C-alpha cells in the first residue's frame, strides 16, 4: 500500500473527477486517480464495490464529455 500523506484532502472537492485518469495495478488491488498528471487519490481496494462503482461512473461521465 502506498502512503497518502501527500494528498491535500481539503482540495479534493475542487477537482473535476470526470477529467481524471484512473489507473489500477495488475492485481486490481491498488487504485490511483490522477488529475493533470498528479496523483490525487490512492486507495487499496478495501472498499471494493463502492469505489469501483464511483470509478465506473467517473469514466462514463468522462467519455460523454470528452472532446471529439
N, C-alpha and C. Protein backbone atom coordinates (compact mmCIF):
# COMPACT_ATOMS: atom_id res chain seq x y z
N UNK A 1 0.83 -1.17 0.00
CA UNK A 1 0.00 0.00 0.00
C UNK A 1 0.89 1.25 0.00
N UNK A 2 0.50 2.26 -0.77
CA UNK A 2 1.28 3.48 -0.91
C UNK A 2 0.85 4.51 0.13
N UNK A 3 1.77 5.38 0.56
CA UNK A 3 1.39 6.40 1.54
C UNK A 3 0.49 7.46 0.90
N UNK A 4 -0.35 8.06 1.69
CA UNK A 4 -1.24 9.11 1.17
C UNK A 4 -1.07 10.43 1.89
N UNK A 5 0.07 10.62 2.54
CA UNK A 5 0.28 11.85 3.29
C UNK A 5 0.50 13.07 2.40
N UNK A 6 0.70 12.89 1.11
CA UNK A 6 0.92 14.00 0.19
C UNK A 6 -0.40 14.58 -0.32
N UNK A 7 -1.51 13.94 -0.05
CA UNK A 7 -2.79 14.39 -0.59
C UNK A 7 -3.31 15.58 0.21
N UNK A 8 -3.74 16.62 -0.50
CA UNK A 8 -4.36 17.77 0.14
C UNK A 8 -5.86 17.49 0.22
N UNK A 9 -6.26 16.86 1.29
CA UNK A 9 -7.63 16.37 1.41
C UNK A 9 -8.67 17.47 1.28
N UNK A 10 -8.40 18.67 1.76
CA UNK A 10 -9.37 19.75 1.69
C UNK A 10 -9.60 20.24 0.26
N UNK A 11 -8.64 19.99 -0.63
CA UNK A 11 -8.77 20.45 -2.01
C UNK A 11 -9.42 19.42 -2.93
N UNK A 12 -9.70 18.22 -2.44
CA UNK A 12 -10.30 17.20 -3.30
C UNK A 12 -11.65 17.65 -3.84
N UNK A 13 -12.37 18.46 -3.09
CA UNK A 13 -13.68 18.92 -3.54
C UNK A 13 -13.57 19.81 -4.77
N UNK A 14 -12.39 20.37 -5.04
CA UNK A 14 -12.19 21.27 -6.18
C UNK A 14 -11.74 20.55 -7.45
N UNK A 15 -11.55 19.25 -7.38
CA UNK A 15 -11.04 18.50 -8.54
C UNK A 15 -12.21 17.98 -9.36
N UNK A 16 -12.24 18.29 -10.68
CA UNK A 16 -13.30 17.74 -11.54
C UNK A 16 -12.96 16.28 -11.88
N UNK A 17 -13.53 15.36 -11.13
CA UNK A 17 -13.13 13.96 -11.28
C UNK A 17 -13.44 13.38 -12.64
N UNK A 18 -14.35 13.97 -13.40
CA UNK A 18 -14.63 13.44 -14.72
C UNK A 18 -13.46 13.69 -15.67
N UNK A 19 -12.51 14.55 -15.30
CA UNK A 19 -11.32 14.79 -16.10
C UNK A 19 -10.13 13.96 -15.64
N UNK A 20 -10.34 13.13 -14.66
CA UNK A 20 -9.24 12.36 -14.08
C UNK A 20 -8.98 11.06 -14.83
N UNK A 21 -7.77 10.56 -14.65
CA UNK A 21 -7.39 9.27 -15.21
C UNK A 21 -7.33 8.27 -14.06
N UNK A 22 -7.93 7.12 -14.27
CA UNK A 22 -7.96 6.07 -13.25
C UNK A 22 -6.99 4.97 -13.66
N UNK A 23 -6.12 4.58 -12.74
CA UNK A 23 -5.11 3.56 -13.02
C UNK A 23 -5.20 2.49 -11.94
N UNK A 24 -5.26 1.23 -12.38
CA UNK A 24 -5.28 0.11 -11.45
C UNK A 24 -4.03 -0.73 -11.67
N UNK A 25 -3.57 -1.40 -10.63
CA UNK A 25 -2.44 -2.30 -10.81
C UNK A 25 -2.95 -3.62 -11.42
N UNK A 26 -2.02 -4.48 -11.78
CA UNK A 26 -2.38 -5.73 -12.45
C UNK A 26 -3.31 -6.61 -11.63
N UNK A 27 -3.09 -6.64 -10.35
CA UNK A 27 -3.90 -7.48 -9.47
C UNK A 27 -5.22 -6.81 -9.09
N UNK A 28 -5.40 -5.56 -9.57
CA UNK A 28 -6.59 -4.76 -9.25
C UNK A 28 -6.79 -4.62 -7.75
N UNK A 29 -5.67 -4.39 -7.05
CA UNK A 29 -5.74 -4.18 -5.61
C UNK A 29 -5.47 -2.73 -5.24
N UNK A 30 -4.65 -2.06 -6.02
CA UNK A 30 -4.37 -0.64 -5.79
C UNK A 30 -5.05 0.17 -6.88
N UNK A 31 -5.62 1.29 -6.50
CA UNK A 31 -6.31 2.16 -7.42
C UNK A 31 -5.78 3.57 -7.22
N UNK A 32 -5.33 4.20 -8.31
CA UNK A 32 -4.83 5.57 -8.25
C UNK A 32 -5.66 6.43 -9.19
N UNK A 33 -5.94 7.65 -8.77
CA UNK A 33 -6.63 8.61 -9.62
C UNK A 33 -5.71 9.81 -9.81
N UNK A 34 -5.47 10.16 -11.08
CA UNK A 34 -4.57 11.26 -11.44
C UNK A 34 -5.37 12.40 -12.05
N UNK A 35 -4.97 13.61 -11.70
CA UNK A 35 -5.54 14.82 -12.30
C UNK A 35 -4.38 15.69 -12.75
N UNK A 36 -4.36 16.02 -14.05
CA UNK A 36 -3.28 16.80 -14.65
C UNK A 36 -1.92 16.16 -14.38
N UNK A 37 -1.87 14.84 -14.43
CA UNK A 37 -0.62 14.12 -14.25
C UNK A 37 -0.17 13.95 -12.82
N UNK A 38 -0.93 14.47 -11.87
CA UNK A 38 -0.56 14.38 -10.45
C UNK A 38 -1.54 13.44 -9.74
N UNK A 39 -0.99 12.53 -8.96
CA UNK A 39 -1.86 11.60 -8.24
C UNK A 39 -2.59 12.35 -7.14
N UNK A 40 -3.92 12.27 -7.18
CA UNK A 40 -4.73 12.98 -6.20
C UNK A 40 -5.45 12.04 -5.24
N UNK A 41 -5.52 10.76 -5.59
CA UNK A 41 -6.16 9.81 -4.70
C UNK A 41 -5.55 8.44 -4.91
N UNK A 42 -5.29 7.77 -3.83
CA UNK A 42 -4.81 6.39 -3.88
C UNK A 42 -5.62 5.60 -2.87
N UNK A 43 -5.99 4.40 -3.27
CA UNK A 43 -6.71 3.56 -2.32
C UNK A 43 -6.36 2.11 -2.57
N UNK A 44 -6.17 1.40 -1.51
CA UNK A 44 -6.10 -0.05 -1.58
C UNK A 44 -7.54 -0.49 -1.66
N UNK A 45 -7.84 -1.42 -2.53
CA UNK A 45 -9.22 -1.77 -2.84
C UNK A 45 -9.92 -2.48 -1.69
N UNK A 46 -9.89 -1.87 -0.51
CA UNK A 46 -10.58 -2.47 0.62
C UNK A 46 -12.05 -2.06 0.67
N UNK A 47 -12.39 -1.01 -0.06
CA UNK A 47 -13.79 -0.61 -0.10
C UNK A 47 -14.51 -1.21 -1.30
N UNK A 48 -13.73 -1.86 -2.15
CA UNK A 48 -14.25 -2.64 -3.26
C UNK A 48 -15.39 -2.02 -4.04
N UNK A 49 -16.57 -2.50 -3.80
CA UNK A 49 -17.73 -2.16 -4.62
C UNK A 49 -17.99 -0.66 -4.71
N UNK A 50 -17.89 0.06 -3.62
CA UNK A 50 -18.25 1.48 -3.62
C UNK A 50 -17.29 2.31 -4.46
N UNK A 51 -15.98 2.13 -4.25
CA UNK A 51 -15.01 2.90 -5.02
C UNK A 51 -15.04 2.47 -6.48
N UNK A 52 -15.16 1.19 -6.74
CA UNK A 52 -15.20 0.70 -8.12
C UNK A 52 -16.43 1.26 -8.85
N UNK A 53 -17.55 1.35 -8.17
CA UNK A 53 -18.75 1.93 -8.77
C UNK A 53 -18.54 3.41 -9.09
N UNK A 54 -17.89 4.13 -8.18
CA UNK A 54 -17.60 5.54 -8.43
C UNK A 54 -16.66 5.70 -9.63
N UNK A 55 -15.67 4.84 -9.74
CA UNK A 55 -14.74 4.90 -10.87
C UNK A 55 -15.48 4.67 -12.18
N UNK A 56 -16.37 3.70 -12.21
CA UNK A 56 -17.15 3.44 -13.43
C UNK A 56 -17.98 4.67 -13.79
N UNK A 57 -18.59 5.29 -12.79
CA UNK A 57 -19.37 6.50 -13.03
C UNK A 57 -18.50 7.61 -13.59
N UNK A 58 -17.32 7.85 -13.00
CA UNK A 58 -16.42 8.89 -13.48
C UNK A 58 -15.99 8.62 -14.91
N UNK A 59 -15.71 7.36 -15.25
CA UNK A 59 -15.29 7.03 -16.61
C UNK A 59 -16.41 7.29 -17.61
N UNK A 60 -17.63 6.99 -17.24
CA UNK A 60 -18.76 7.22 -18.15
C UNK A 60 -18.99 8.71 -18.36
N UNK A 61 -18.91 9.48 -17.29
CA UNK A 61 -19.06 10.93 -17.41
C UNK A 61 -17.95 11.47 -18.30
N UNK A 62 -16.73 11.00 -18.10
CA UNK A 62 -15.60 11.46 -18.89
C UNK A 62 -15.81 11.13 -20.36
N UNK A 63 -16.26 9.92 -20.67
CA UNK A 63 -16.43 9.53 -22.07
C UNK A 63 -17.54 10.34 -22.74
N UNK A 64 -18.53 10.77 -21.99
CA UNK A 64 -19.62 11.56 -22.57
C UNK A 64 -19.24 13.02 -22.73
N UNK A 65 -18.26 13.49 -21.97
CA UNK A 65 -17.87 14.90 -22.04
C UNK A 65 -16.55 15.10 -22.77
N UNK A 66 -15.98 14.02 -23.32
CA UNK A 66 -14.68 14.12 -23.99
C UNK A 66 -14.79 14.98 -25.25
N UNK A 67 -13.71 15.66 -25.58
CA UNK A 67 -13.67 16.45 -26.82
C UNK A 67 -13.63 15.50 -28.00
N UNK A 68 -14.47 15.74 -28.98
CA UNK A 68 -14.50 14.87 -30.16
C UNK A 68 -13.67 15.48 -31.21
